[in-house]
Amino acid sequence: MELGAFSISLAVKDLHASREFYKKLGFAEFGGDAAQNWLILKNGDHVIGLFQGMFEKNILTFNPGWDNSAQKLKSFTDVREIQRHLKAEGLALVSEADEHTQGPASLVIEDPDGNTILIDQHV
């Protein structure tokens, strides 16, 4: 089972201050829209998302179907297949992908410490 590209989505208090901080660490803007209070930054293969006012805590994010440059992969494990695997392993899902659809979908789980994990397929 391949989870796809990994990034961390940070719930930030001040988007502009966070952007400047991470720029000093060598991150450059890769995507997003500051006017909508979110940016995606990249340093090599490392990707972080900065999100102001969109969620309460940081989120570990996996994107099935994408590489670390948000380019579509030729083959990948669909989020619904990942969901079936997680359920078979006895994990409780916070939110689920609709099994009767194809293409973009997402699911959310939490680890034993309450950390949110988003598996978010865009293709």
Protein backbone atom coordinates (compact mmCIF):
# COMPACT_ATOMS: atom_id res chain seq x y z
CA MET A 1 0.00 0.00 0.00
CA GLU A 2 1.48 3.30 -1.16
CA LEU A 3 0.19 6.42 0.65
CA GLY A 4 1.58 8.93 -1.85
CA ALA A 5 3.40 12.21 -1.33
CA PHE A 6 3.88 13.29 2.29
CA SER A 7 3.62 16.77 3.72
CA ILE A 8 2.70 18.36 6.99
CA SER A 9 -0.10 20.88 7.14
CA LEU A 10 0.55 23.44 9.85
CA ALA A 11 -2.23 25.38 11.57
CA VAL A 12 -0.55 28.80 11.83
CA LYS A 13 -1.61 31.94 13.69
CA ASP A 14 -0.03 34.42 11.25
CA LEU A 15 0.46 33.23 7.67
CA HIS A 16 2.87 36.00 6.74
CA ALA A 17 5.07 35.55 9.82
CA SER A 18 5.17 31.78 9.23
CA ARG A 19 6.01 32.24 5.55
CA GLU A 20 8.93 34.51 6.44
CA PHE A 21 10.16 32.09 9.11
CA TYR A 22 10.16 29.09 6.76
CA LYS A 23 11.76 31.11 3.96
CA LYS A 24 14.71 31.62 6.33
CA LEU A 25 14.93 27.81 6.57
CA GLY A 26 15.19 27.60 2.79
CA PHE A 27 11.57 26.94 1.87
CA ALA A 28 10.14 28.63 -1.22
CA GLU A 29 6.51 29.12 -2.22
CA PHE A 30 5.26 26.25 -4.34
CA GLY A 31 1.51 26.79 -4.38
CA GLY A 32 -1.48 28.13 -2.54
CA ASP A 33 -3.06 31.54 -2.19
CA ALA A 34 -2.08 33.94 0.60
CA ALA A 35 -5.31 35.90 0.00
CA GLN A 36 -7.19 32.73 1.00
CA ASN A 37 -4.88 32.18 4.02
CA TRP A 38 -2.97 29.15 2.77
CA LEU A 39 0.40 28.49 1.13
CA ILE A 40 2.40 25.43 0.15
CA LEU A 41 6.18 25.70 0.63
CA LYS A 42 8.90 23.38 -0.58
CA ASN A 43 12.56 22.77 0.23
CA GLY A 44 13.94 19.95 -1.92
CA ASP A 45 11.56 17.03 -1.44
CA HIS A 46 10.17 18.48 1.81
CA VAL A 47 6.71 20.03 1.58
CA ILE A 48 4.82 21.98 4.23
CA GLY A 49 1.46 23.66 4.03
CA LEU A 50 0.69 26.79 6.04
CA PHE A 51 -3.01 27.24 6.83
CA GLN A 52 -4.34 30.16 8.85
CA GLY A 53 -7.77 29.76 10.43
CA MET A 54 -8.68 26.56 8.58
CA PHE A 55 -8.18 23.91 11.26
CA GLU A 56 -7.19 23.67 14.93
CA LYS A 57 -4.12 21.44 14.89
CA ASN A 58 -1.36 20.25 12.60
CA ILE A 59 -2.15 17.46 10.16
CA LEU A 60 0.03 14.76 8.61
CA THR A 61 -1.01 14.67 4.95
CA PHE A 62 -0.57 11.96 2.32
CA ASN A 63 -1.60 12.47 -1.31
CA PRO A 64 -2.15 9.22 -3.23
CA GLY A 65 -1.48 9.68 -6.92
CA TRP A 66 1.01 12.53 -6.51
CA ASP A 67 4.76 12.72 -6.27
CA ASN A 68 6.44 15.38 -4.06
CA SER A 69 6.05 17.94 -6.85
CA ALA A 70 2.27 17.40 -7.11
CA GLN A 71 2.68 15.58 -10.42
CA LYS A 72 0.36 12.69 -11.19
CA LEU A 73 1.87 9.22 -10.85
CA LYS A 74 1.29 6.59 -13.55
CA SER A 75 0.14 4.08 -10.94
CA PHE A 76 -0.86 4.48 -7.31
CA THR A 77 -3.00 3.02 -4.55
CA ASP A 78 -6.46 4.62 -4.69
CA VAL A 79 -7.70 6.22 -1.45
CA ARG A 80 -10.66 3.80 -1.39
CA GLU A 81 -8.31 0.82 -1.46
CA ILE A 82 -6.32 2.39 1.38
CA GLN A 83 -9.58 2.89 3.25
CA ARG A 84 -10.58 -0.76 2.85
CA HIS A 85 -7.15 -1.81 4.15
CA LEU A 86 -7.37 0.49 7.19
CA LYS A 87 -10.84 -0.82 8.04
CA ALA A 88 -9.64 -4.42 7.67
CA GLU A 89 -6.86 -3.56 10.14
CA GLY A 90 -9.51 -2.42 12.61
CA LEU A 91 -8.78 1.30 12.49
CA ALA A 92 -11.62 3.73 13.15
CA LEU A 93 -12.01 6.43 10.52
CA VAL A 94 -12.96 9.99 11.47
CA SER A 95 -14.24 10.60 7.93
CA GLU A 96 -14.45 8.32 4.92
CA ALA A 97 -14.19 8.43 1.15
CA ASP A 98 -17.36 7.47 -0.71
CA GLU A 99 -16.73 3.93 -1.95
CA HIS A 100 -19.14 4.47 -4.87
CA THR A 101 -17.07 7.22 -6.49
CA GLN A 102 -13.84 7.46 -8.46
CA GLY A 103 -11.17 10.14 -8.57
CA PRO A 104 -10.62 12.76 -5.89
CA ALA A 105 -11.62 11.77 -2.36
CA SER A 106 -10.22 11.81 1.15
CA LEU A 107 -10.35 10.14 4.51
CA VAL A 108 -9.20 11.12 7.99
CA ILE A 109 -7.88 8.98 10.84
CA GLU A 110 -6.22 9.80 14.15
CA ASP A 111 -3.22 8.05 15.62
CA PRO A 112 -3.24 6.86 19.27
CA ASP A 113 -2.01 10.29 20.43
CA GLY A 114 -4.77 12.20 18.64
CA ASN A 115 -2.65 13.38 15.71
CA THR A 116 -4.77 13.87 12.61
CA ILE A 117 -3.79 12.02 9.43
CA LEU A 118 -5.40 13.16 6.18
CA ILE A 119 -5.20 10.93 3.11
CA ASP A 120 -6.25 13.33 0.38
CA GLN A 121 -6.36 12.13 -3.24
CA HIS A 122 -6.62 14.89 -5.86
CA VAL A 123 -6.54 12.71 -9.00
